[in-house]
Protein backbone atom coordinates (compact mmCIF):
# COMPACT_ATOMS: atom_id res chain seq x y z
CA MET A 1 9.11 -6.32 17.92
CA ARG A 2 5.73 -7.11 16.40
CA GLN A 3 4.50 -10.63 17.16
CA PRO A 4 3.63 -12.73 14.08
CA LEU A 5 -0.05 -13.11 13.44
CA SER A 6 0.14 -16.91 13.53
CA ARG A 7 1.20 -16.69 17.22
CA ALA A 8 -1.55 -14.30 18.22
CA ILE A 9 -3.91 -15.54 20.92
CA ASP A 10 -7.36 -16.60 19.73
CA PRO A 11 -9.76 -14.07 21.31
CA ASP A 12 -12.45 -16.78 21.64
CA ALA A 13 -10.19 -19.27 23.43
CA GLY A 14 -10.47 -17.47 26.76
CA TRP A 15 -14.21 -17.61 27.23
CA LEU A 16 -14.38 -21.15 25.79
CA THR A 17 -11.85 -22.30 28.37
CA VAL A 18 -13.91 -20.69 31.12
CA VAL A 19 -17.06 -22.44 29.89
CA MET A 20 -15.29 -25.81 29.77
CA ARG A 21 -13.90 -25.39 33.28
CA LEU A 22 -17.29 -24.42 34.66
CA ALA A 23 -18.84 -27.40 32.89
CA PHE A 24 -16.18 -29.66 34.37
CA LEU A 25 -16.81 -28.31 37.86
CA LEU A 26 -20.57 -28.68 37.41
CA LEU A 27 -20.24 -32.28 36.24
CA LEU A 28 -17.73 -33.00 38.97
CA GLY A 29 -20.07 -31.56 41.63
CA THR A 30 -23.07 -33.43 40.21
CA SER A 31 -21.14 -36.71 40.16
CA LEU A 32 -19.99 -36.16 43.74
CA ALA A 33 -23.54 -35.36 44.89
CA ARG A 34 -24.86 -38.50 43.17
CA TYR A 35 -22.14 -40.59 44.80
CA LEU A 36 -22.85 -39.18 48.23
CA ALA A 37 -26.57 -39.77 47.79
CA HIS A 38 -25.99 -43.50 47.24
CA HIS A 39 -22.74 -44.19 49.10
CA LEU A 40 -22.60 -41.71 51.95
CA TYR A 41 -21.35 -44.26 54.46
CA SER A 42 -18.98 -46.13 52.16
CA PRO A 43 -15.37 -46.49 53.35
CA LEU A 44 -14.27 -44.87 50.07
CA THR A 45 -16.35 -41.75 50.60
CA PRO A 46 -13.62 -39.68 52.36
CA TRP A 47 -11.20 -40.59 49.60
CA VAL A 48 -13.70 -39.73 46.86
CA VAL A 49 -14.50 -36.34 48.47
CA ALA A 50 -10.82 -35.51 49.00
CA LEU A 51 -9.86 -36.54 45.49
CA SER A 52 -12.79 -34.60 44.02
CA LEU A 53 -11.76 -31.46 45.83
CA ALA A 54 -8.14 -31.92 44.79
CA LEU A 55 -9.22 -32.47 41.18
CA ALA A 56 -11.37 -29.32 41.26
CA VAL A 57 -8.54 -27.20 42.67
CA GLY A 58 -6.02 -28.72 40.26
CA HIS A 59 -8.26 -28.16 37.27
CA LEU A 60 -8.91 -24.53 38.22
CA SER A 61 -5.19 -23.89 38.73
CA GLY A 62 -4.34 -25.19 35.28
CA LEU A 63 -3.30 -21.80 33.89
CA SER A 64 -1.02 -23.56 31.41
CA GLU A 65 -2.83 -26.57 30.08
CA ARG A 66 0.05 -27.51 27.82
CA ARG A 67 2.27 -28.58 30.70
CA PRO A 68 2.53 -32.40 30.63
CA ALA A 69 2.86 -32.66 34.41
CA TRP A 70 -0.38 -30.76 35.05
CA LEU A 71 -2.31 -32.72 32.42
CA THR A 72 -0.99 -36.04 33.73
CA ALA A 73 -1.98 -35.18 37.30
CA VAL A 74 -5.52 -34.16 36.30
CA LEU A 75 -6.13 -37.23 34.14
CA ALA A 76 -4.66 -39.57 36.73
CA SER A 77 -6.84 -38.12 39.50
CA TRP A 78 -9.92 -38.40 37.32
CA ALA A 79 -9.09 -42.01 36.34
CA VAL A 80 -8.77 -43.01 40.01
CA LEU A 81 -12.12 -41.36 40.75
CA VAL A 82 -13.79 -43.22 37.88
CA LEU A 83 -12.41 -46.53 39.12
CA MET A 84 -13.75 -45.81 42.60
CA ALA A 85 -17.05 -44.24 41.45
CA PRO A 86 -18.22 -44.77 37.83
CA SER A 87 -20.57 -41.78 38.08
CA PHE A 88 -17.54 -39.51 37.61
CA ALA A 89 -17.24 -40.80 34.02
CA TRP A 90 -19.40 -37.89 32.79
CA CYS A 91 -16.52 -35.51 33.52
CA ALA A 92 -14.79 -37.03 30.49
CA VAL A 93 -16.41 -34.61 28.00
CA PRO A 94 -14.57 -31.43 29.14
CA LEU A 95 -11.43 -33.49 29.72
CA VAL A 96 -11.56 -34.65 26.10
CA TYR A 97 -11.58 -31.00 25.06
CA THR A 98 -8.64 -30.28 27.36
CA VAL A 99 -6.62 -33.15 25.88
CA LEU A 100 -7.40 -32.14 22.29
CA ARG A 101 -6.47 -28.54 23.03
CA ALA A 102 -3.26 -29.34 24.92
CA LEU A 103 -1.76 -32.07 22.72
CA PRO A 104 -1.13 -32.52 19.00
CA PRO A 105 -3.58 -34.85 17.21
CA ARG A 106 -1.12 -37.77 17.06
CA ALA A 107 -0.91 -37.85 20.86
CA ALA A 108 -4.40 -36.58 21.65
CA ILE A 109 -6.41 -39.15 19.67
CA PRO A 110 -4.88 -42.26 21.39
CA LEU A 111 -5.30 -40.59 24.78
CA VAL A 112 -8.96 -39.74 24.04
CA THR A 113 -9.46 -43.36 22.98
CA ALA A 114 -8.00 -44.55 26.30
CA LEU A 115 -10.32 -42.19 28.23
CA THR A 116 -13.29 -43.47 26.27
CA VAL A 117 -12.38 -47.10 27.00
CA LEU A 118 -12.10 -46.25 30.70
CA VAL A 119 -15.56 -44.63 30.61
CA VAL A 120 -17.10 -47.69 28.86
CA VAL A 121 -15.50 -50.09 31.33
CA SER A 122 -16.69 -48.05 34.31
CA GLU A 123 -20.23 -47.83 32.94
CA LEU A 124 -20.39 -51.56 32.34
CA ARG A 125 -19.45 -52.13 35.99
CA LEU A 126 -22.64 -50.43 37.15
CA PRO A 127 -25.28 -52.77 38.59
CA GLY A 128 -28.36 -53.53 36.54
CA GLY A 129 -26.99 -55.79 33.83
CA PHE A 130 -25.59 -55.17 30.38
CA ASP A 131 -26.81 -51.98 28.68
CA PRO A 132 -25.77 -51.60 24.99
CA THR A 133 -26.31 -47.84 25.29
CA MET A 134 -23.43 -47.61 27.73
CA LEU A 135 -21.27 -49.49 25.23
CA LEU A 136 -22.06 -47.32 22.18
CA LEU A 137 -22.85 -43.85 23.54
CA PRO A 138 -19.42 -42.86 25.01
CA PRO A 139 -17.45 -43.77 21.85
CA ALA A 140 -20.00 -41.92 19.71
CA VAL A 141 -19.78 -38.78 21.86
CA ALA A 142 -15.98 -38.94 21.98
CA ALA A 143 -15.69 -39.48 18.21
CA LEU A 144 -18.11 -36.62 17.48
CA ALA A 145 -16.33 -34.23 19.86
CA THR A 146 -12.91 -35.16 18.46
CA ALA A 147 -13.99 -34.82 14.83
CA VAL A 148 -15.67 -31.44 15.35
CA PHE A 149 -12.75 -30.10 17.37
CA LEU A 150 -10.12 -31.20 14.84
CA TYR A 151 -12.19 -29.87 11.95
CA MET A 152 -12.63 -26.48 13.59
CA GLN A 153 -8.96 -26.40 14.55
CA ARG A 154 -7.85 -27.06 10.98
CA GLN A 155 -10.35 -24.54 9.62
CA GLY A 156 -9.02 -21.97 12.06
CA ALA A 157 -5.43 -22.73 11.02
CA ARG A 158 -6.34 -22.32 7.35
CA GLN A 159 -8.12 -19.05 8.07
CA ARG A 160 -5.15 -17.75 10.05
CA LYS A 161 -2.86 -18.68 7.18
CA LEU A 162 -5.12 -16.87 4.74
CA ILE A 163 -5.15 -13.79 6.97
CA VAL A 164 -1.35 -13.88 7.27
CA ASP A 165 -1.04 -14.20 3.48
CA LEU A 166 -3.53 -11.36 3.00
CA ILE A 167 -1.67 -9.06 5.37
CA ARG A 168 1.65 -9.98 3.75
CA THR A 169 0.19 -9.28 0.30
CA ARG A 170 -1.21 -5.94 1.44
CA ARG A 171 2.16 -4.98 2.84
CA GLU A 172 3.88 -5.97 -0.40
CA LEU A 173 1.34 -3.99 -2.42
CA ALA A 174 1.84 -1.00 -0.16
CA ALA A 175 5.60 -1.28 -0.63
CA VAL A 176 5.17 -1.49 -4.41
CA GLU A 177 2.87 1.54 -4.35
CA ARG A 178 5.42 3.46 -2.30
CA ARG A 179 8.16 2.56 -4.78
CA GLN A 180 5.96 3.53 -7.71
CA GLY A 181 5.08 6.79 -5.98
CA ALA A 182 8.75 7.51 -5.39
CA LEU A 183 9.58 6.78 -9.04
CA ALA A 184 6.68 8.96 -10.20
CA GLU A 185 7.85 11.77 -7.94
CA ARG A 186 11.39 11.44 -9.27
CA GLU A 187 10.07 11.60 -12.83
CA ARG A 188 7.98 14.65 -11.97
CA LEU A 189 10.91 16.43 -10.38
CA SER A 190 13.08 15.54 -13.37
CA VAL A 191 10.51 17.11 -15.67
CA GLU A 192 10.22 20.20 -13.47
CA ILE A 193 13.98 20.68 -13.35
CA HIS A 194 14.34 20.18 -17.10
CA ASP A 195 11.61 22.66 -17.96
CA THR A 196 12.86 25.36 -15.59
CA LEU A 197 16.37 25.27 -14.18
CA ALA A 198 17.98 23.27 -16.99
CA GLN A 199 16.44 25.42 -19.71
CA GLY A 200 17.44 28.59 -17.87
CA LEU A 201 21.01 27.42 -17.36
CA SER A 202 21.22 26.50 -21.03
CA SER A 203 20.06 29.97 -22.01
CA GLN A 204 22.54 31.56 -19.63
CA GLN A 205 25.34 29.49 -21.13
CA MET A 206 24.44 30.58 -24.66
CA LEU A 207 24.21 34.26 -23.65
CA LEU A 208 27.49 34.21 -21.77
CA GLN A 209 29.23 32.48 -24.68
CA ALA A 210 27.82 35.15 -27.01
CA ALA A 211 29.04 37.86 -24.62
CA GLU A 212 32.50 36.32 -24.57
CA ARG A 213 32.65 36.28 -28.38
CA THR A 214 31.57 39.93 -28.72
CA TRP A 215 33.27 41.39 -25.66
CA GLN A 216 36.17 42.95 -27.60
CA GLN A 217 34.33 43.99 -30.76
CA ASP A 218 31.00 45.15 -29.28
CA PRO A 219 31.12 45.69 -25.48
CA ALA A 220 27.59 47.12 -25.42
CA ALA A 221 26.11 43.99 -27.01
CA ALA A 222 28.16 41.78 -24.71
CA LEU A 223 26.90 43.74 -21.70
CA GLY A 224 23.33 43.25 -22.94
CA HIS A 225 23.90 39.49 -23.14
CA VAL A 226 25.30 39.49 -19.58
CA ARG A 227 22.32 41.47 -18.27
CA THR A 228 19.91 39.09 -19.99
CA ALA A 229 21.75 36.13 -18.48
CA ALA A 230 21.51 37.80 -15.06
CA ALA A 231 17.75 38.25 -15.51
CA ILE A 232 17.39 34.57 -16.42
CA ALA A 233 19.47 33.63 -13.36
CA SER A 234 17.13 35.73 -11.21
CA ARG A 235 14.10 33.86 -12.58
CA ASN A 236 15.84 30.53 -12.05
CA LEU A 237 16.47 31.53 -8.45
CA ALA A 238 12.76 32.27 -8.06
CA GLU A 239 11.93 28.88 -9.58
CA ALA A 240 14.36 27.14 -7.23
CA ARG A 241 12.70 28.82 -4.25
CA ARG A 242 9.33 27.79 -5.63
CA PHE A 243 10.55 24.18 -5.75
CA VAL A 244 11.30 24.39 -2.06
CA HIS A 245 7.77 25.59 -1.30
CA ASP A 246 5.18 24.00 -3.56
CA LEU A 247 6.69 23.42 -7.03
CA ALA A 248 4.21 25.80 -8.66
CA PRO A 249 5.65 27.82 -11.59
CA ALA A 250 6.90 31.21 -10.44
CA ASP A 251 5.31 32.95 -13.45
CA LEU A 252 1.92 31.44 -12.66
CA ALA A 253 2.17 32.45 -9.01
CA GLU A 254 3.15 36.01 -9.94
CA GLN A 255 0.66 36.58 -12.79
CA GLY A 256 -2.30 34.84 -11.18
CA THR A 257 -3.83 33.33 -14.34
CA LEU A 258 -2.56 31.03 -17.05
CA GLU A 259 -3.41 33.53 -19.78
CA ALA A 260 -1.43 36.31 -18.10
CA ALA A 261 1.49 33.96 -17.43
CA LEU A 262 1.62 32.87 -21.10
CA GLU A 263 1.47 36.48 -22.28
CA ALA A 264 4.29 37.41 -19.89
CA LEU A 265 6.29 34.45 -21.17
CA ALA A 266 5.86 35.61 -24.77
CA ASP A 267 6.91 39.17 -23.94
CA ARG A 268 9.96 38.01 -22.03
CA GLU A 269 11.11 35.66 -24.80
CA ALA A 270 10.75 38.45 -27.35
CA ALA A 271 12.75 40.85 -25.17
CA GLU A 272 15.54 38.47 -24.22
CA SER A 273 16.11 36.29 -27.25
CA GLY A 274 15.09 38.53 -30.11
CA LEU A 275 12.54 35.92 -31.22
CA ALA A 276 9.25 37.59 -32.15
CA VAL A 277 6.74 35.77 -29.94
CA ARG A 278 3.04 36.65 -29.76
CA PHE A 279 0.30 35.28 -27.53
CA HIS A 280 -3.27 34.62 -28.71
CA LEU A 281 -6.30 33.66 -26.62
CA ASP A 282 -9.12 31.83 -28.40
CA GLY A 283 -12.41 31.62 -26.52
CA PRO A 284 -13.44 32.72 -23.04
CA PRO A 285 -11.22 31.29 -20.28
CA ILE A 286 -12.56 28.27 -18.42
CA PRO A 287 -11.37 27.46 -14.87
CA MET A 288 -9.02 24.51 -14.76
CA PRO A 289 -7.04 22.78 -12.00
CA ALA A 290 -3.74 24.27 -10.89
CA ALA A 291 -1.93 21.12 -12.06
CA ALA A 292 -3.28 21.57 -15.59
CA GLN A 293 -2.32 25.26 -15.66
CA SER A 294 1.16 24.42 -14.40
CA ALA A 295 1.57 21.67 -17.02
CA LEU A 296 0.54 23.93 -19.93
CA LEU A 297 2.85 26.74 -18.80
CA ARG A 298 5.77 24.32 -18.43
CA ILE A 299 5.07 22.91 -21.89
CA ALA A 300 5.06 26.41 -23.37
CA GLN A 301 8.36 27.18 -21.66
CA GLY A 302 9.93 23.96 -22.91
CA ALA A 303 8.66 24.39 -26.47
CA LEU A 304 9.94 27.98 -26.68
CA ALA A 305 13.29 26.87 -25.26
CA ASN A 306 13.56 24.27 -28.03
CA THR A 307 12.60 26.90 -30.58
CA ARG A 308 15.17 29.34 -29.26
CA GLU A 309 18.00 26.83 -29.10
CA HIS A 310 17.40 24.60 -32.11
CA ALA A 311 14.84 25.90 -34.60
CA ARG A 312 16.67 29.02 -35.86
CA ALA A 313 13.23 30.65 -36.12
CA GLU A 314 12.36 34.34 -36.45
CA HIS A 315 8.73 34.21 -35.34
CA ALA A 316 6.75 32.10 -32.90
CA SER A 317 3.26 32.15 -31.48
CA ILE A 318 1.52 30.83 -28.40
CA THR A 319 -2.19 30.11 -28.77
CA LEU A 320 -4.41 29.01 -25.89
CA SER A 321 -7.81 27.77 -27.05
CA TYR A 322 -10.78 26.78 -24.92
CA LEU A 323 -12.89 24.32 -26.90
CA GLY A 324 -15.63 23.55 -24.41
CA ASP A 325 -14.47 20.16 -23.16
CA GLN A 326 -10.74 20.71 -23.45
CA ALA A 327 -8.01 23.32 -23.40
CA VAL A 328 -5.50 23.27 -26.28
CA LEU A 329 -2.13 25.00 -26.25
CA ASP A 330 -0.34 25.47 -29.59
CA ILE A 331 3.26 26.68 -29.88
CA ALA A 332 4.20 27.33 -33.52
CA ASP A 333 7.41 28.62 -35.11
CA ASP A 334 8.79 29.23 -38.62
CA GLY A 335 12.10 27.54 -37.96
CA CYS A 336 14.01 24.76 -39.67
CA GLY A 337 11.65 22.03 -38.49
CA PHE A 338 12.50 18.35 -38.10
CA THR A 339 11.10 14.90 -38.81
CA PRO A 340 8.66 13.78 -36.07
CA GLY A 341 8.88 10.19 -34.92
CA ARG A 342 12.63 10.16 -34.43
CA SER A 343 14.07 9.67 -30.98
CA ASP A 344 13.93 12.77 -28.83
CA ARG A 345 17.70 12.96 -28.76
CA GLY A 346 18.68 14.50 -32.03
CA GLU A 347 15.31 16.15 -32.69
CA ARG A 348 15.51 19.80 -33.68
CA GLY A 349 19.19 19.51 -34.31
CA GLU A 350 20.21 18.49 -30.81
CA ARG A 351 23.79 17.41 -30.67
CA ALA A 352 24.32 13.68 -30.83
CA GLY A 353 26.26 12.37 -27.91
CA ASP A 354 25.12 15.10 -25.55
CA GLY A 355 23.66 12.99 -22.79
CA ASN A 356 22.08 15.94 -21.05
CA ARG A 357 19.82 16.84 -23.94
CA GLY A 358 16.74 15.29 -25.44
CA HIS A 359 14.31 15.30 -22.50
CA GLY A 360 11.95 18.03 -23.71
CA LEU A 361 9.30 16.12 -25.65
CA PRO A 362 9.26 13.10 -23.29
CA ALA A 363 8.82 15.54 -20.39
CA MET A 364 5.84 17.14 -22.12
CA ARG A 365 4.27 13.76 -22.83
CA ALA A 366 4.80 12.70 -19.21
CA ARG A 367 3.06 15.81 -17.91
CA LEU A 368 0.08 15.38 -20.21
CA ARG A 369 -0.18 11.64 -19.55
CA GLN A 370 -0.66 12.33 -15.83
CA LEU A 371 -3.58 14.64 -16.68
CA GLY A 372 -5.16 12.46 -19.38
CA GLY A 373 -4.00 14.82 -22.14
CA THR A 374 -2.24 14.32 -25.46
CA LEU A 375 0.72 15.86 -27.26
CA THR A 376 0.82 16.30 -31.04
CA ILE A 377 3.88 17.34 -33.06
CA GLU A 378 3.51 18.67 -36.61
CA SER A 379 6.75 19.45 -38.37
CA ALA A 380 8.83 18.85 -41.47
CA PRO A 381 12.37 19.92 -42.40
CA GLY A 382 12.31 23.54 -43.51
CA GLU A 383 8.61 24.05 -42.70
CA GLY A 384 8.57 24.99 -39.05
CA THR A 385 7.01 23.18 -36.10
CA VAL A 386 3.72 23.18 -34.22
CA VAL A 387 3.58 21.62 -30.76
CA SER A 388 -0.01 21.04 -29.62
CA ALA A 389 -0.97 20.03 -26.08
CA ALA A 390 -4.59 19.16 -25.26
CA ILE A 391 -5.94 18.65 -21.73
CA PRO A 392 -9.54 17.58 -21.03
CA LEU A 393 -11.53 19.84 -18.74
CA ALA A 394 -13.30 17.91 -15.99
CA GLY A 395 -17.06 18.25 -15.86
CA ARG A 396 -17.34 19.83 -19.30
């Protein structure tokens, strides 16, 4: 399990601890040398040397400075040394750091105060008379060290909290982006399925229903409807396999260019549905991204499916125009038309209450919105319909 960031070890604490321990040993050795230089033959000398060595070993073995027993033993040994030899008072500076690091401020500050008082008392016991420096300097050093340490500690805590909040926010943003990506992918797949498999299944249903109605009276016509439905099923199977691979339109993959795919679409619609569909190309073709080509082909398929199922039209046209900075696809028919601006459900005579209908125009708008394009609908009852999709061409 991942450890929370607030519990992570400070990478600078290790070397700082080493520096403080070396400083303590240096001060301890200097104090012992000074004591031996002046009191080599004192009866307390063996005790001072033994206690100094024990304090050095104990301080170096303090792998866990937060253990009360270890801290108590070190401070008690140092206090005894100071009472026997005031020169050991200079070891208080690294000990102050150890206390501040090992204890919370409420316990550390009184203990630092007690250490400072012990240092002042030991310094005042030195021969030579009263020295005000010895009275003021230790409290000043202790207060400065305590204030700086606590300030840096609180700053570090605030910075760690900010880092934790930042990481948490980044994780939440990443989760939101993943959810948005999943929703966008679901919408894209919904559009793909509507423009391909759903439209094909709808056409198959209409053809099979027509075959059923004419089976007794005109078997040849019914057989033609069944064959057309079988051809549509074959294309739907190709589209389904294309979904599994890369979601590119099967017509676009087979024909190679958008212009050829649109022309093949027009020919197929004319052959299968009886709707006279013609394709027109306006202007020299300009290379465009595969996503834009796929979107325009899907829009043409969806618009013709609407025309075939709802418009009761006799003629339709597909026009692809390259206008320099954009590509415009127009699908026009001479059908019954409708009133633009109404909800998609019910447009072009779609049956009210059919919950599976009414996704065509929203699907087109969703495709174009992802590519920075626009969709325009021009229609009126009895006057046909023109669906116009415009996509900007990058770098033009």
